[in-house]
Amino acid sequence: PIAWNMNCLEEVCGACSMVINGRPRQSCSALVDQLEQPLKLQ
């Protein structure tokens, strides 16, 4: 299983930061419908 950090799931705690499609952001507020595929997570 993939390891990642998360906590509040509502963009308040800051724990779930990662690079999504080349852009650093919160993964809880990153909606799949608004992202190009394949999703690239780093």
Full PDB file with SEQRES, HELIX, SHEET, SSBOND, CRYST1, ORIGX, SCALE, CONECT and MASTER records, all heavy atoms in Angstrom:
SEQRES   1 A   42  PRO ILE ALA TRP ASN MET ASN CYS LEU GLU GLU VAL CYS          
SEQRES   2 A   42  GLY ALA CYS SER MET VAL ILE ASN GLY ARG PRO ARG GLN          
SEQRES   3 A   42  SER CYS SER ALA LEU VAL ASP GLN LEU GLU GLN PRO LEU          
SEQRES   4 A   42  LYS LEU GLN                                                  
HELIX    1 AA1 VAL A   32  GLN A   34  5                                   3    
SHEET    1 AA1 2 SER A  17  ILE A  20  0                                        
SHEET    2 AA1 2 ARG A  23  GLN A  26 -1                                        
CRYST1    1.000    1.000    1.000  90.00  90.00  90.00 P 1           1          
ORIGX1      1.000000  0.000000  0.000000        0.00000                         
ORIGX2      0.000000  1.000000  0.000000        0.00000                         
ORIGX3      0.000000  0.000000  1.000000        0.00000                         
SCALE1      1.000000  0.000000  0.000000        0.00000                         
SCALE2      0.000000  1.000000  0.000000        0.00000                         
SCALE3      0.000000  0.000000  1.000000        0.00000                         
ATOM      1  N   PRO A   1       0.838  -1.211   0.000  1.00  0.00           N  
ATOM      2  CA  PRO A   1       0.000   0.000   0.000  1.00  0.00           C  
ATOM      3  C   PRO A   1       0.865   1.249   0.000  1.00  0.00           C  
ATOM      4  O   PRO A   1       1.962   1.263   0.561  1.00  0.00           O  
ATOM      5  CB  PRO A   1      -0.800  -0.125   1.301  1.00  0.00           C  
ATOM      6  CG  PRO A   1      -0.770  -1.579   1.641  1.00  0.00           C  
ATOM      7  CD  PRO A   1       0.552  -2.087   1.143  1.00  0.00           C  
ATOM      8  N   ILE A   2       0.383   2.288  -0.630  1.00  0.00           N  
ATOM      9  CA  ILE A   2       1.125   3.552  -0.700  1.00  0.00           C  
ATOM     10  C   ILE A   2       1.009   4.292   0.633  1.00  0.00           C  
ATOM     11  O   ILE A   2      -0.066   4.349   1.231  1.00  0.00           O  
ATOM     12  CB  ILE A   2       0.572   4.430  -1.841  1.00  0.00           C  
ATOM     13  CG1 ILE A   2       0.778   3.724  -3.181  1.00  0.00           C  
ATOM     14  CG2 ILE A   2       1.257   5.791  -1.856  1.00  0.00           C  
ATOM     15  CD1 ILE A   2       0.003   4.328  -4.310  1.00  0.00           C  
ATOM     16  N   ALA A   3       2.125   4.844   1.086  1.00  0.00           N  
ATOM     17  CA  ALA A   3       2.130   5.625   2.325  1.00  0.00           C  
ATOM     18  C   ALA A   3       2.021   7.112   1.985  1.00  0.00           C  
ATOM     19  O   ALA A   3       2.708   7.604   1.098  1.00  0.00           O  
ATOM     20  CB  ALA A   3       3.416   5.358   3.106  1.00  0.00           C  
ATOM     21  N   TRP A   4       1.122   7.799   2.674  1.00  0.00           N  
ATOM     22  CA  TRP A   4       1.000   9.242   2.533  1.00  0.00           C  
ATOM     23  C   TRP A   4       0.454   9.812   3.838  1.00  0.00           C  
ATOM     24  O   TRP A   4      -0.017   9.070   4.696  1.00  0.00           O  
ATOM     25  CB  TRP A   4       0.094   9.600   1.350  1.00  0.00           C  
ATOM     26  CG  TRP A   4      -1.389   9.495   1.612  1.00  0.00           C  
ATOM     27  CD1 TRP A   4      -2.235  10.488   2.002  1.00  0.00           C  
ATOM     28  CD2 TRP A   4      -2.207   8.312   1.501  1.00  0.00           C  
ATOM     29  NE1 TRP A   4      -3.509  10.008   2.146  1.00  0.00           N  
ATOM     30  CE2 TRP A   4      -3.525   8.680   1.840  1.00  0.00           C  
ATOM     31  CE3 TRP A   4      -1.950   6.985   1.151  1.00  0.00           C  
ATOM     32  CZ2 TRP A   4      -4.582   7.772   1.852  1.00  0.00           C  
ATOM     33  CZ3 TRP A   4      -3.000   6.082   1.155  1.00  0.00           C  
ATOM     34  CH2 TRP A   4      -4.292   6.471   1.494  1.00  0.00           C  
ATOM     35  N   ASN A   5       0.540  11.106   3.984  1.00  0.00           N  
ATOM     36  CA  ASN A   5       0.038  11.758   5.194  1.00  0.00           C  
ATOM     37  C   ASN A   5      -1.304  12.410   4.934  1.00  0.00           C  
ATOM     38  O   ASN A   5      -1.528  12.994   3.869  1.00  0.00           O  
ATOM     39  CB  ASN A   5       1.016  12.840   5.682  1.00  0.00           C  
ATOM     40  CG  ASN A   5       2.294  12.259   6.227  1.00  0.00           C  
ATOM     41  OD1 ASN A   5       2.292  11.190   6.822  1.00  0.00           O  
ATOM     42  ND2 ASN A   5       3.402  12.958   6.023  1.00  0.00           N  
ATOM     43  N   MET A   6      -2.198  12.340   5.896  1.00  0.00           N  
ATOM     44  CA  MET A   6      -3.461  13.080   5.825  1.00  0.00           C  
ATOM     45  C   MET A   6      -4.014  13.183   7.233  1.00  0.00           C  
ATOM     46  O   MET A   6      -3.609  12.460   8.141  1.00  0.00           O  
ATOM     47  CB  MET A   6      -4.473  12.380   4.916  1.00  0.00           C  
ATOM     48  CG  MET A   6      -4.958  11.039   5.417  1.00  0.00           C  
ATOM     49  SD  MET A   6      -6.220  10.341   4.350  1.00  0.00           S  
ATOM     50  CE  MET A   6      -6.683   8.883   5.298  1.00  0.00           C  
ATOM     51  N   ASN A   7      -4.950  14.106   7.409  1.00  0.00           N  
ATOM     52  CA  ASN A   7      -5.569  14.261   8.715  1.00  0.00           C  
ATOM     53  C   ASN A   7      -6.987  14.788   8.565  1.00  0.00           C  
ATOM     54  O   ASN A   7      -7.949  14.046   8.632  1.00  0.00           O  
ATOM     55  CB  ASN A   7      -4.723  15.183   9.604  1.00  0.00           C  
ATOM     56  CG  ASN A   7      -5.126  15.125  11.057  1.00  0.00           C  
ATOM     57  OD1 ASN A   7      -6.011  14.375  11.439  1.00  0.00           O  
ATOM     58  ND2 ASN A   7      -4.480  15.918  11.879  1.00  0.00           N  
ATOM     59  N   CYS A   8      -7.127  16.102   8.327  1.00  0.00           N  
ATOM     60  CA  CYS A   8      -8.455  16.717   8.436  1.00  0.00           C  
ATOM     61  C   CYS A   8      -9.347  16.468   7.233  1.00  0.00           C  
ATOM     62  O   CYS A   8     -10.565  16.465   7.353  1.00  0.00           O  
ATOM     63  CB  CYS A   8      -8.298  18.223   8.656  1.00  0.00           C  
ATOM     64  SG  CYS A   8      -7.757  19.130   7.175  1.00  0.00           S  
ATOM     65  N   LEU A   9      -8.765  16.298   6.049  1.00  0.00           N  
ATOM     66  CA  LEU A   9      -9.497  16.110   4.791  1.00  0.00           C  
ATOM     67  C   LEU A   9     -10.345  17.319   4.403  1.00  0.00           C  
ATOM     68  O   LEU A   9     -11.288  17.193   3.617  1.00  0.00           O  
ATOM     69  CB  LEU A   9     -10.389  14.853   4.848  1.00  0.00           C  
ATOM     70  CG  LEU A   9      -9.647  13.530   5.074  1.00  0.00           C  
ATOM     71  CD1 LEU A   9     -10.633  12.367   5.109  1.00  0.00           C  
ATOM     72  CD2 LEU A   9      -8.606  13.297   3.990  1.00  0.00           C  
ATOM     73  N   GLU A  10     -10.047  18.499   4.928  1.00  0.00           N  
ATOM     74  CA  GLU A  10     -10.797  19.694   4.530  1.00  0.00           C  
ATOM     75  C   GLU A  10      -9.883  20.913   4.395  1.00  0.00           C  
ATOM     76  O   GLU A  10     -10.281  22.029   4.673  1.00  0.00           O  
ATOM     77  CB  GLU A  10     -11.936  19.977   5.518  1.00  0.00           C  
ATOM     78  CG  GLU A  10     -11.516  20.061   6.974  1.00  0.00           C  
ATOM     79  CD  GLU A  10     -12.704  20.216   7.920  1.00  0.00           C  
ATOM     80  OE1 GLU A  10     -13.859  20.095   7.452  1.00  0.00           O  
ATOM     81  OE2 GLU A  10     -12.478  20.466   9.114  1.00  0.00           O  
ATOM     82  N   GLU A  11      -8.661  20.684   3.967  1.00  0.00           N  
ATOM     83  CA  GLU A  11      -7.688  21.741   3.677  1.00  0.00           C  
ATOM     84  C   GLU A  11      -7.495  22.692   4.852  1.00  0.00           C  
ATOM     85  O   GLU A  11      -7.562  23.906   4.720  1.00  0.00           O  
ATOM     86  CB  GLU A  11      -8.109  22.525   2.423  1.00  0.00           C  
ATOM     87  CG  GLU A  11      -6.920  23.182   1.729  1.00  0.00           C  
ATOM     88  CD  GLU A  11      -7.294  23.888   0.450  1.00  0.00           C  
ATOM     89  OE1 GLU A  11      -8.122  24.817   0.495  1.00  0.00           O  
ATOM     90  OE2 GLU A  11      -6.754  23.519  -0.604  1.00  0.00           O  
ATOM     91  N   VAL A  12      -7.254  22.113   6.019  1.00  0.00           N  
ATOM     92  CA  VAL A  12      -6.999  22.906   7.216  1.00  0.00           C  
ATOM     93  C   VAL A  12      -5.698  22.491   7.901  1.00  0.00           C  
ATOM     94  O   VAL A  12      -4.963  23.332   8.412  1.00  0.00           O  
ATOM     95  CB  VAL A  12      -8.173  22.798   8.222  1.00  0.00           C  
ATOM     96  CG1 VAL A  12      -7.822  23.466   9.541  1.00  0.00           C  
ATOM     97  CG2 VAL A  12      -9.433  23.420   7.637  1.00  0.00           C  
ATOM     98  N   CYS A  13      -5.383  21.188   7.883  1.00  0.00           N  
ATOM     99  CA  CYS A  13      -4.223  20.711   8.648  1.00  0.00           C  
ATOM    100  C   CYS A  13      -2.911  20.831   7.885  1.00  0.00           C  
ATOM    101  O   CYS A  13      -1.851  20.961   8.481  1.00  0.00           O  
ATOM    102  CB  CYS A  13      -4.445  19.261   9.086  1.00  0.00           C  
ATOM    103  SG  CYS A  13      -4.317  18.052   7.743  1.00  0.00           S  
ATOM    104  N   GLY A  14      -2.947  20.782   6.558  1.00  0.00           N  
ATOM    105  CA  GLY A  14      -1.731  20.902   5.753  1.00  0.00           C  
ATOM    106  C   GLY A  14      -0.923  19.629   5.608  1.00  0.00           C  
ATOM    107  O   GLY A  14       0.132  19.631   4.977  1.00  0.00           O  
ATOM    108  N   ALA A  15      -1.415  18.514   6.176  1.00  0.00           N  
ATOM    109  CA  ALA A  15      -0.614  17.281   6.212  1.00  0.00           C  
ATOM    110  C   ALA A  15      -0.525  16.577   4.862  1.00  0.00           C  
ATOM    111  O   ALA A  15       0.443  15.866   4.605  1.00  0.00           O  
ATOM    112  CB  ALA A  15      -1.190  16.320   7.255  1.00  0.00           C  
ATOM    113  N   CYS A  16      -1.525  16.738   4.001  1.00  0.00           N  
ATOM    114  CA  CYS A  16      -1.593  15.902   2.793  1.00  0.00           C  
ATOM    115  C   CYS A  16      -0.941  16.551   1.578  1.00  0.00           C  
ATOM    116  O   CYS A  16      -1.259  16.211   0.435  1.00  0.00           O  
ATOM    117  CB  CYS A  16      -3.034  15.525   2.488  1.00  0.00           C  
ATOM    118  SG  CYS A  16      -4.078  16.898   1.940  1.00  0.00           S  
ATOM    119  N   SER A  17      -0.010  17.472   1.792  1.00  0.00           N  
ATOM    120  CA  SER A  17       0.678  18.118   0.674  1.00  0.00           C  
ATOM    121  C   SER A  17       1.469  17.102  -0.141  1.00  0.00           C  
ATOM    122  O   SER A  17       2.131  16.227   0.416  1.00  0.00           O  
ATOM    123  CB  SER A  17       1.643  19.185   1.189  1.00  0.00           C  
ATOM    124  OG  SER A  17       0.984  20.135   1.969  1.00  0.00           O  
ATOM    125  N   MET A  18       1.396  17.230  -1.445  1.00  0.00           N  
ATOM    126  CA  MET A  18       2.215  16.433  -2.362  1.00  0.00           C  
ATOM    127  C   MET A  18       2.239  17.144  -3.700  1.00  0.00           C  
ATOM    128  O   MET A  18       1.530  18.138  -3.907  1.00  0.00           O  
ATOM    129  CB  MET A  18       1.673  15.006  -2.493  1.00  0.00           C  
ATOM    130  CG  MET A  18       0.278  14.897  -3.058  1.00  0.00           C  
ATOM    131  SD  MET A  18      -0.355  13.180  -3.095  1.00  0.00           S  
ATOM    132  CE  MET A  18      -0.564  12.828  -1.355  1.00  0.00           C  
ATOM    133  N   VAL A  19       3.062  16.660  -4.609  1.00  0.00           N  
ATOM    134  CA  VAL A  19       3.134  17.238  -5.949  1.00  0.00           C  
ATOM    135  C   VAL A  19       2.201  16.446  -6.855  1.00  0.00           C  
ATOM    136  O   VAL A  19       2.382  15.242  -7.064  1.00  0.00           O  
ATOM    137  CB  VAL A  19       4.577  17.216  -6.491  1.00  0.00           C  
ATOM    138  CG1 VAL A  19       4.632  17.774  -7.909  1.00  0.00           C  
ATOM    139  CG2 VAL A  19       5.495  18.020  -5.570  1.00  0.00           C  
ATOM    140  N   ILE A  20       1.177  17.116  -7.362  1.00  0.00           N  
ATOM    141  CA  ILE A  20       0.162  16.479  -8.203  1.00  0.00           C  
ATOM    142  C   ILE A  20       0.250  17.073  -9.601  1.00  0.00           C  
ATOM    143  O   ILE A  20       0.060  18.282  -9.789  1.00  0.00           O  
ATOM    144  CB  ILE A  20      -1.243  16.692  -7.616  1.00  0.00           C  
ATOM    145  CG1 ILE A  20      -1.313  16.116  -6.190  1.00  0.00           C  
ATOM    146  CG2 ILE A  20      -2.303  16.066  -8.504  1.00  0.00           C  
ATOM    147  CD1 ILE A  20      -2.579  16.473  -5.440  1.00  0.00           C  
ATOM    148  N   ASN A  21       0.587  16.240 -10.568  1.00  0.00           N  
ATOM    149  CA  ASN A  21       0.782  16.689 -11.955  1.00  0.00           C  
ATOM    150  C   ASN A  21       1.744  17.874 -12.028  1.00  0.00           C  
ATOM    151  O   ASN A  21       1.507  18.853 -12.737  1.00  0.00           O  
ATOM    152  CB  ASN A  21      -0.564  17.047 -12.596  1.00  0.00           C  
ATOM    153  CG  ASN A  21      -1.430  15.825 -12.859  1.00  0.00           C  
ATOM    154  OD1 ASN A  21      -1.017  14.691 -12.596  1.00  0.00           O  
ATOM    155  ND2 ASN A  21      -2.632  16.030 -13.371  1.00  0.00           N  
ATOM    156  N   GLY A  22       2.817  17.772 -11.240  1.00  0.00           N  
ATOM    157  CA  GLY A  22       3.875  18.775 -11.283  1.00  0.00           C  
ATOM    158  C   GLY A  22       3.651  19.999 -10.430  1.00  0.00           C  
ATOM    159  O   GLY A  22       4.503  20.887 -10.384  1.00  0.00           O  
ATOM    160  N   ARG A  23       2.511  20.040  -9.721  1.00  0.00           N  
ATOM    161  CA  ARG A  23       2.193  21.226  -8.922  1.00  0.00           C  
ATOM    162  C   ARG A  23       2.018  20.849  -7.455  1.00  0.00           C  
ATOM    163  O   ARG A  23       1.223  19.954  -7.138  1.00  0.00           O  
ATOM    164  CB  ARG A  23       0.903  21.858  -9.447  1.00  0.00           C  
ATOM    165  CG  ARG A  23       0.412  23.035  -8.626  1.00  0.00           C  
ATOM    166  CD  ARG A  23      -0.976  23.469  -9.069  1.00  0.00           C  
ATOM    167  NE  ARG A  23      -1.619  24.304  -8.052  1.00  0.00           N  
ATOM    168  CZ  ARG A  23      -2.915  24.566  -8.018  1.00  0.00           C  
ATOM    169  NH1 ARG A  23      -3.714  24.054  -8.932  1.00  0.00           N  
ATOM    170  NH2 ARG A  23      -3.420  25.329  -7.066  1.00  0.00           N  
ATOM    171  N   PRO A  24       2.738  21.502  -6.547  1.00  0.00           N  
ATOM    172  CA  PRO A  24       2.546  21.218  -5.115  1.00  0.00           C  
ATOM    173  C   PRO A  24       1.199  21.749  -4.643  1.00  0.00           C  
ATOM    174  O   PRO A  24       0.858  22.907  -4.903  1.00  0.00           O  
ATOM    175  CB  PRO A  24       3.707  21.949  -4.437  1.00  0.00           C  
ATOM    176  CG  PRO A  24       4.077  23.043  -5.376  1.00  0.00           C  
ATOM    177  CD  PRO A  24       3.790  22.529  -6.756  1.00  0.00           C  
ATOM    178  N   ARG A  25       0.437  20.902  -3.948  1.00  0.00           N  
ATOM    179  CA  ARG A  25      -0.884  21.309  -3.479  1.00  0.00           C  
ATOM    180  C   ARG A  25      -1.408  20.312  -2.459  1.00  0.00           C  
ATOM    181  O   ARG A  25      -0.771  19.304  -2.174  1.00  0.00           O  
ATOM    182  CB  ARG A  25      -1.863  21.429  -4.652  1.00  0.00           C  
ATOM    183  CG  ARG A  25      -2.020  20.157  -5.469  1.00  0.00           C  
ATOM    184  CD  ARG A  25      -2.938  20.341  -6.662  1.00  0.00           C  
ATOM    185  NE  ARG A  25      -4.264  20.774  -6.258  1.00  0.00           N  
ATOM    186  CZ  ARG A  25      -5.278  20.966  -7.107  1.00  0.00           C  
ATOM    187  NH1 ARG A  25      -5.097  20.788  -8.399  1.00  0.00           N  
ATOM    188  NH2 ARG A  25      -6.457  21.351  -6.673  1.00  0.00           N  
ATOM    189  N   GLN A  26      -2.604  20.572  -1.938  1.00  0.00           N  
ATOM    190  CA  GLN A  26      -3.238  19.661  -1.004  1.00  0.00           C  
ATOM    191  C   GLN A  26      -3.992  18.587  -1.782  1.00  0.00           C  
ATOM    192  O   GLN A  26      -4.771  18.896  -2.690  1.00  0.00           O  
ATOM    193  CB  GLN A  26      -4.226  20.415  -0.111  1.00  0.00           C  
ATOM    194  CG  GLN A  26      -3.624  21.585   0.637  1.00  0.00           C  
ATOM    195  CD  GLN A  26      -2.558  21.148   1.601  1.00  0.00           C  
ATOM    196  OE1 GLN A  26      -2.832  20.595   2.648  1.00  0.00           O  
ATOM    197  NE2 GLN A  26      -1.319  21.395   1.228  1.00  0.00           N  
ATOM    198  N   SER A  27      -3.772  17.333  -1.426  1.00  0.00           N  
ATOM    199  CA  SER A  27      -4.435  16.248  -2.162  1.00  0.00           C  
ATOM    200  C   SER A  27      -5.900  16.092  -1.785  1.00  0.00           C  
ATOM    201  O   SER A  27      -6.678  15.516  -2.540  1.00  0.00           O  
ATOM    202  CB  SER A  27      -3.688  14.928  -1.953  1.00  0.00           C  
ATOM    203  OG  SER A  27      -3.411  14.703  -0.588  1.00  0.00           O  
ATOM    204  N   CYS A  28      -6.305  16.627  -0.617  1.00  0.00           N  
ATOM    205  CA  CYS A  28      -7.717  16.506  -0.229  1.00  0.00           C  
ATOM    206  C   CYS A  28      -8.614  17.398  -1.079  1.00  0.00           C  
ATOM    207  O   CYS A  28      -9.779  17.073  -1.323  1.00  0.00           O  
ATOM    208  CB  CYS A  28      -7.895  16.825   1.246  1.00  0.00           C  
ATOM    209  SG  CYS A  28      -7.454  18.526   1.700  1.00  0.00           S  
ATOM    210  N   SER A  29      -8.086  18.527  -1.543  1.00  0.00           N  
ATOM    211  CA  SER A  29      -8.897  19.447  -2.345  1.00  0.00           C  
ATOM    212  C   SER A  29      -8.603  19.330  -3.839  1.00  0.00           C  
ATOM    213  O   SER A  29      -9.137  20.099  -4.644  1.00  0.00           O  
ATOM    214  CB  SER A  29      -8.659  20.888  -1.881  1.00  0.00           C  
ATOM    215  OG  SER A  29      -7.292  21.224  -1.964  1.00  0.00           O  
ATOM    216  N   ALA A  30      -7.768  18.376  -4.218  1.00  0.00           N  
ATOM    217  CA  ALA A  30      -7.465  18.130  -5.632  1.00  0.00           C  
ATOM    218  C   ALA A  30      -8.478  17.144  -6.191  1.00  0.00           C  
ATOM    219  O   ALA A  30      -8.441  15.959  -5.876  1.00  0.00           O  
ATOM    220  CB  ALA A  30      -6.044  17.592  -5.782  1.00  0.00           C  
ATOM    221  N   LEU A  31      -9.416  17.632  -6.995  1.00  0.00           N  
ATOM    222  CA  LEU A  31     -10.498  16.797  -7.521  1.00  0.00           C  
ATOM    223  C   LEU A  31     -10.093  16.153  -8.840  1.00  0.00           C  
ATOM    224  O   LEU A  31      -9.566  16.816  -9.740  1.00  0.00           O  
ATOM    225  CB  LEU A  31     -11.762  17.636  -7.715  1.00  0.00           C  
ATOM    226  CG  LEU A  31     -12.291  18.345  -6.455  1.00  0.00           C  
ATOM    227  CD1 LEU A  31     -13.539  19.169  -6.791  1.00  0.00           C  
ATOM    228  CD2 LEU A  31     -12.597  17.333  -5.357  1.00  0.00           C  
ATOM    229  N   VAL A  32     -10.349  14.865  -8.948  1.00  0.00           N  
ATOM    230  CA  VAL A  32      -9.956  14.095 -10.121  1.00  0.00           C  
ATOM    231  C   VAL A  32     -10.566  14.671 -11.399  1.00  0.00           C  
ATOM    232  O   VAL A  32      -9.916  14.741 -12.443  1.00  0.00           O  
ATOM    233  CB  VAL A  32     -10.361  12.614  -9.945  1.00  0.00           C  
ATOM    234  CG1 VAL A  32     -10.192  11.838 -11.248  1.00  0.00           C  
ATOM    235  CG2 VAL A  32      -9.540  11.973  -8.837  1.00  0.00           C  
ATOM    236  N   ASP A  33     -11.807  15.117 -11.319  1.00  0.00           N  
ATOM    237  CA  ASP A  33     -12.492  15.641 -12.508  1.00  0.00           C  
ATOM    238  C   ASP A  33     -11.824  16.901 -13.068  1.00  0.00           C  
ATOM    239  O   ASP A  33     -12.056  17.266 -14.218  1.00  0.00           O  
ATOM    240  CB  ASP A  33     -13.955  15.956 -12.181  1.00  0.00           C  
ATOM    241  CG  ASP A  33     -14.773  14.693 -11.929  1.00  0.00           C  
ATOM    242  OD1 ASP A  33     -14.392  13.634 -12.459  1.00  0.00           O  
ATOM    243  OD2 ASP A  33     -15.785  14.771 -11.211  1.00  0.00           O  
ATOM    244  N   GLN A  34     -11.016  17.553 -12.256  1.00  0.00           N  
ATOM    245  CA  GLN A  34     -10.353  18.780 -12.694  1.00  0.00           C  
ATOM    246  C   GLN A  34      -8.880  18.560 -13.042  1.00  0.00           C  
ATOM    247  O   GLN A  34      -8.156  19.527 -13.298  1.00  0.00           O  
ATOM    248  CB  GLN A  34     -10.465  19.837 -11.590  1.00  0.00           C  
ATOM    249  CG  GLN A  34     -11.898  20.237 -11.267  1.00  0.00           C  
ATOM    250  CD  GLN A  34     -11.995  21.164 -10.074  1.00  0.00           C  
ATOM    251  OE1 GLN A  34     -10.992  21.543  -9.481  1.00  0.00           O  
ATOM    252  NE2 GLN A  34     -13.215  21.527  -9.699  1.00  0.00           N  
ATOM    253  N   LEU A  35      -8.444  17.297 -13.063  1.00  0.00           N  
ATOM    254  CA  LEU A  35      -7.033  16.983 -13.297  1.00  0.00           C  
ATOM    255  C   LEU A  35      -6.854  16.167 -14.568  1.00  0.00           C  
ATOM    256  O   LEU A  35      -7.716  15.353 -14.928  1.00  0.00           O  
ATOM    257  CB  LEU A  35      -6.464  16.195 -12.111  1.00  0.00           C  
ATOM    258  CG  LEU A  35      -6.436  16.917 -10.766  1.00  0.00           C  
ATOM    259  CD1 LEU A  35      -6.143  15.931  -9.646  1.00  0.00           C  
ATOM    260  CD2 LEU A  35      -5.399  18.032 -10.775  1.00  0.00           C  
ATOM    261  N   GLU A  36      -5.735  16.381 -15.241  1.00  0.00           N  
ATOM    262  CA  GLU A  36      -5.396  15.561 -16.406  1.00  0.00           C  
ATOM    263  C   GLU A  36      -4.916  14.193 -15.952  1.00  0.00           C  
ATOM    264  O   GLU A  36      -4.300  14.051 -14.894  1.00  0.00           O  
ATOM    265  CB  GLU A  36      -4.304  16.240 -17.238  1.00  0.00           C  
ATOM    266  CG  GLU A  36      -4.773  17.472 -17.995  1.00  0.00           C  
ATOM    267  CD  GLU A  36      -3.694  17.994 -18.927  1.00  0.00           C  
ATOM    268  OE1 GLU A  36      -2.680  17.279 -19.130  1.00  0.00           O  
ATOM    269  OE2 GLU A  36      -3.856  19.106 -19.447  1.00  0.00           O  
ATOM    270  N   GLN A  37      -5.226  13.188 -16.764  1.00  0.00           N  
ATOM    271  CA  GLN A  37      -4.759  11.826 -16.468  1.00  0.00           C  
ATOM    272  C   GLN A  37      -3.709  11.422 -17.497  1.00  0.00           C  
ATOM    273  O   GLN A  37      -3.742  11.878 -18.634  1.00  0.00           O  
ATOM    274  CB  GLN A  37      -5.947  10.865 -16.480  1.00  0.00           C  
ATOM    275  CG  GLN A  37      -6.926  11.111 -15.357  1.00  0.00           C  
ATOM    276  CD  GLN A  37      -7.954  10.010 -15.238  1.00  0.00           C  
ATOM    277  OE1 GLN A  37      -7.677   8.828 -15.457  1.00  0.00           O  
ATOM    278  NE2 GLN A  37      -9.175  10.393 -14.886  1.00  0.00           N  
ATOM    279  N   PRO A  38      -2.774  10.546 -17.077  1.00  0.00           N  
ATOM    280  CA  PRO A  38      -2.695   9.912 -15.765  1.00  0.00           C  
ATOM    281  C   PRO A  38      -2.303  10.907 -14.669  1.00  0.00           C  
ATOM    282  O   PRO A  38      -1.499  11.816 -14.913  1.00  0.00           O  
ATOM    283  CB  PRO A  38      -1.612   8.853 -15.943  1.00  0.00           C  
ATOM    284  CG  PRO A  38      -0.733   9.391 -17.028  1.00  0.00           C  
ATOM    285  CD  PRO A  38      -1.653  10.120 -17.964  1.00  0.00           C  
ATOM    286  N   LEU A  39      -2.889  10.727 -13.485  1.00  0.00           N  
ATOM    287  CA  LEU A  39      -2.475  11.524 -12.343  1.00  0.00           C  
ATOM    288  C   LEU A  39      -1.038  11.146 -11.988  1.00  0.00           C  
ATOM    289  O   LEU A  39      -0.722   9.966 -11.852  1.00  0.00           O  
ATOM    290  CB  LEU A  39      -3.375  11.247 -11.136  1.00  0.00           C  
ATOM    291  CG  LEU A  39      -4.885  11.426 -11.299  1.00  0.00           C  
ATOM    292  CD1 LEU A  39      -5.574  11.120  -9.982  1.00  0.00           C  
ATOM    293  CD2 LEU A  39      -5.223  12.822 -11.782  1.00  0.00           C  
ATOM    294  N   LYS A  40      -0.193  12.125 -11.824  1.00  0.00           N  
ATOM    295  CA  LYS A  40       1.190  11.869 -11.434  1.00  0.00           C  
ATOM    296  C   LYS A  40       1.410  12.409 -10.030  1.00  0.00           C  
ATOM    297  O   LYS A  40       1.357  13.627  -9.814  1.00  0.00           O  
ATOM    298  CB  LYS A  40       2.163  12.509 -12.433  1.00  0.00           C  
ATOM    299  CG  LYS A  40       2.140  11.842 -13.803  1.00  0.00           C  
ATOM    300  CD  LYS A  40       3.303  12.291 -14.666  1.00  0.00           C  
ATOM    301  CE  LYS A  40       3.322  11.513 -15.975  1.00  0.00           C  
ATOM    302  NZ  LYS A  40       4.487  11.869 -16.818  1.00  0.00           N  
ATOM    303  N   LEU A  41       1.626  11.505  -9.090  1.00  0.00           N  
ATOM    304  CA  LEU A  41       1.758  11.875  -7.684  1.00  0.00           C  
ATOM    305  C   LEU A  41       3.197  11.673  -7.231  1.00  0.00           C  
ATOM    306  O   LEU A  41       3.770  10.598  -7.392  1.00  0.00           O  
ATOM    307  CB  LEU A  41       0.813  11.028  -6.822  1.00  0.00           C  
ATOM    308  CG  LEU A  41      -0.653  10.937  -7.284  1.00  0.00           C  
ATOM    309  CD1 LEU A  41      -1.459  10.097  -6.311  1.00  0.00           C  
ATOM    310  CD2 LEU A  41      -1.255  12.335  -7.435  1.00  0.00           C  
ATOM    311  N   GLN A  42       3.767  12.733  -6.644  1.00  0.00           N  
ATOM    312  CA  GLN A  42       5.147  12.695  -6.162  1.00  0.00           C  
ATOM    313  C   GLN A  42       5.229  13.362  -4.789  1.00  0.00           C  
ATOM    314  O   GLN A  42       4.422  14.246  -4.481  1.00  0.00           O  
ATOM    315  CB  GLN A  42       6.073  13.439  -7.127  1.00  0.00           C  
ATOM    316  CG  GLN A  42       6.140  12.867  -8.527  1.00  0.00           C  
ATOM    317  CD  GLN A  42       6.854  13.820  -9.472  1.00  0.00           C  
ATOM    318  OE1 GLN A  42       6.230  14.663 -10.106  1.00  0.00           O  
ATOM    319  NE2 GLN A  42       8.181  13.690  -9.548  1.00  0.00           N  
TER     320      GLN A  42                                                      
MASTER        0    0    0    1    2    0    0    6  319    1    0    4          
END                                                                             
